């Protein structure tokens, strides 16, 4: 049997990306720090941000996909920010 090559993030659909990132600890922390969240429901936070009823509604070429792309860009920028430590 032929082995499947894992998809890269950019090869995934926006809905697949959202599902993967919602399970990621760092993305969850980003959402807690930057997006108003209902009870640590990360999928609900993404749905609200993208204005969809289901993450599967985040389809390429839609406004939801643009909002998703903006959220991912903000997340990537957040990942690159240096952490500040209060000086004694």
C-alpha atoms as a PDB file:
ATOM      1  CA  UNK A   1       0.000   0.000   0.000  1.00  0.00           C
ATOM      2  CA  UNK A   2       1.132   3.509  -0.843  1.00  0.00           C
ATOM      3  CA  UNK A   3       1.874   5.757   2.144  1.00  0.00           C
ATOM      4  CA  UNK A   4       0.085   9.087   2.326  1.00  0.00           C
ATOM      5  CA  UNK A   5       2.223  12.184   2.564  1.00  0.00           C
ATOM      6  CA  UNK A   6       0.956  14.432   5.349  1.00  0.00           C
ATOM      7  CA  UNK A   7      -0.551  17.689   4.168  1.00  0.00           C
ATOM      8  CA  UNK A   8       1.237  20.896   4.978  1.00  0.00           C
ATOM      9  CA  UNK A   9      -0.738  23.633   6.714  1.00  0.00           C
ATOM     10  CA  UNK A  10      -1.106  25.527   3.436  1.00  0.00           C
ATOM     11  CA  UNK A  11      -2.382  22.423   1.638  1.00  0.00           C
ATOM     12  CA  UNK A  12      -5.252  22.102   4.125  1.00  0.00           C
ATOM     13  CA  UNK A  13      -8.610  23.754   3.634  1.00  0.00           C
ATOM     14  CA  UNK A  14      -9.344  26.674   5.968  1.00  0.00           C
ATOM     15  CA  UNK A  15     -11.783  24.435   7.870  1.00  0.00           C
ATOM     16  CA  UNK A  16      -9.075  21.787   8.363  1.00  0.00           C
ATOM     17  CA  UNK A  17      -6.622  24.456   9.472  1.00  0.00           C
ATOM     18  CA  UNK A  18      -9.147  25.774  11.982  1.00  0.00           C
ATOM     19  CA  UNK A  19      -9.777  22.296  13.356  1.00  0.00           C
ATOM     20  CA  UNK A  20      -6.064  21.650  13.751  1.00  0.00           C
ATOM     21  CA  UNK A  21      -5.257  25.005  15.344  1.00  0.00           C
ATOM     22  CA  UNK A  22      -8.209  24.872  17.746  1.00  0.00           C
ATOM     23  CA  UNK A  23      -6.570  21.778  19.274  1.00  0.00           C
ATOM     24  CA  UNK A  24      -3.158  23.513  19.554  1.00  0.00           C
ATOM     25  CA  UNK A  25      -2.166  24.800  23.017  1.00  0.00           C
ATOM     26  CA  UNK A  26      -0.359  27.881  21.672  1.00  0.00           C
ATOM     27  CA  UNK A  27      -3.325  28.876  19.489  1.00  0.00           C
ATOM     28  CA  UNK A  28      -5.648  28.403  22.452  1.00  0.00           C
ATOM     29  CA  UNK A  29      -3.461  30.734  24.527  1.00  0.00           C
ATOM     30  CA  UNK A  30      -3.491  33.277  21.679  1.00  0.00           C
ATOM     31  CA  UNK A  31      -7.289  33.136  21.557  1.00  0.00           C
ATOM     32  CA  UNK A  32      -7.569  33.529  25.345  1.00  0.00           C
ATOM     33  CA  UNK A  33      -5.299  36.573  25.244  1.00  0.00           C
ATOM     34  CA  UNK A  34      -6.658  38.309  22.150  1.00  0.00           C
ATOM     35  CA  UNK A  35     -10.222  37.205  21.355  1.00  0.00           C
ATOM     36  CA  UNK A  36     -13.262  37.357  23.612  1.00  0.00           C
ATOM     37  CA  UNK A  37     -14.017  33.727  24.255  1.00  0.00           C
ATOM     38  CA  UNK A  38     -17.110  31.969  25.538  1.00  0.00           C
ATOM     39  CA  UNK A  39     -15.957  29.533  28.262  1.00  0.00           C
ATOM     40  CA  UNK A  40     -12.729  28.344  26.602  1.00  0.00           C
ATOM     41  CA  UNK A  41     -14.698  27.111  23.588  1.00  0.00           C
ATOM     42  CA  UNK A  42     -12.018  27.634  20.959  1.00  0.00           C
ATOM     43  CA  UNK A  43     -14.161  26.436  18.069  1.00  0.00           C
ATOM     44  CA  UNK A  44     -16.867  28.922  19.105  1.00  0.00           C
ATOM     45  CA  UNK A  45     -14.281  31.706  19.215  1.00  0.00           C
ATOM     46  CA  UNK A  46     -13.172  30.895  15.658  1.00  0.00           C
ATOM     47  CA  UNK A  47     -16.779  30.610  14.448  1.00  0.00           C
ATOM     48  CA  UNK A  48     -17.593  33.976  16.014  1.00  0.00           C
ATOM     49  CA  UNK A  49     -14.497  35.638  14.599  1.00  0.00           C
ATOM     50  CA  UNK A  50     -15.233  34.276  11.124  1.00  0.00           C
ATOM     51  CA  UNK A  51     -19.015  34.884  11.375  1.00  0.00           C
ATOM     52  CA  UNK A  52     -19.970  31.287  10.548  1.00  0.00           C
ATOM     53  CA  UNK A  53     -22.147  28.643  12.190  1.00  0.00           C
ATOM     54  CA  UNK A  54     -19.606  25.875  11.558  1.00  0.00           C
ATOM     55  CA  UNK A  55     -15.878  25.843  10.861  1.00  0.00           C
ATOM     56  CA  UNK A  56     -16.760  23.851   7.741  1.00  0.00           C
ATOM     57  CA  UNK A  57     -18.364  27.069   6.450  1.00  0.00           C
ATOM     58  CA  UNK A  58     -14.888  28.645   6.201  1.00  0.00           C
ATOM     59  CA  UNK A  59     -14.504  27.969   2.485  1.00  0.00           C
ATOM     60  CA  UNK A  60     -11.842  29.354   0.141  1.00  0.00           C
ATOM     61  CA  UNK A  61     -12.861  32.590  -1.553  1.00  0.00           C
ATOM     62  CA  UNK A  62     -15.400  33.594   1.120  1.00  0.00           C
ATOM     63  CA  UNK A  63     -15.395  36.477   3.589  1.00  0.00           C
ATOM     64  CA  UNK A  64     -15.046  33.842   6.315  1.00  0.00           C
ATOM     65  CA  UNK A  65     -11.836  32.571   4.697  1.00  0.00           C
ATOM     66  CA  UNK A  66     -10.486  36.132   4.586  1.00  0.00           C
ATOM     67  CA  UNK A  67     -11.296  36.608   8.280  1.00  0.00           C
ATOM     68  CA  UNK A  68      -9.673  33.227   9.025  1.00  0.00           C
ATOM     69  CA  UNK A  69      -6.557  34.252   7.094  1.00  0.00           C
ATOM     70  CA  UNK A  70      -6.433  37.509   9.079  1.00  0.00           C
ATOM     71  CA  UNK A  71      -6.748  35.586  12.350  1.00  0.00           C
ATOM     72  CA  UNK A  72      -3.949  33.191  11.361  1.00  0.00           C
ATOM     73  CA  UNK A  73      -1.754  36.156  10.370  1.00  0.00           C
ATOM     74  CA  UNK A  74      -2.409  37.766  13.758  1.00  0.00           C
ATOM     75  CA  UNK A  75      -1.575  34.452  15.439  1.00  0.00           C
ATOM     76  CA  UNK A  76       1.698  34.121  13.531  1.00  0.00           C
ATOM     77  CA  UNK A  77       2.646  37.701  14.483  1.00  0.00           C
ATOM     78  CA  UNK A  78       1.726  36.942  18.117  1.00  0.00           C
ATOM     79  CA  UNK A  79       4.024  33.902  18.011  1.00  0.00           C
ATOM     80  CA  UNK A  80       6.937  36.079  16.902  1.00  0.00           C
ATOM     81  CA  UNK A  81       6.426  38.744  19.604  1.00  0.00           C
ATOM     82  CA  UNK A  82       9.103  38.679  22.273  1.00  0.00           C
ATOM     83  CA  UNK A  83       7.902  38.035  25.770  1.00  0.00           C
ATOM     84  CA  UNK A  84       8.468  40.924  28.123  1.00  0.00           C
ATOM     85  CA  UNK A  85       9.584  40.319  31.671  1.00  0.00           C
ATOM     86  CA  UNK A  86       9.064  43.030  34.258  1.00  0.00           C
ATOM     87  CA  UNK A  87      12.358  44.415  35.481  1.00  0.00           C
ATOM     88  CA  UNK A  88      12.933  44.104  39.235  1.00  0.00           C
END
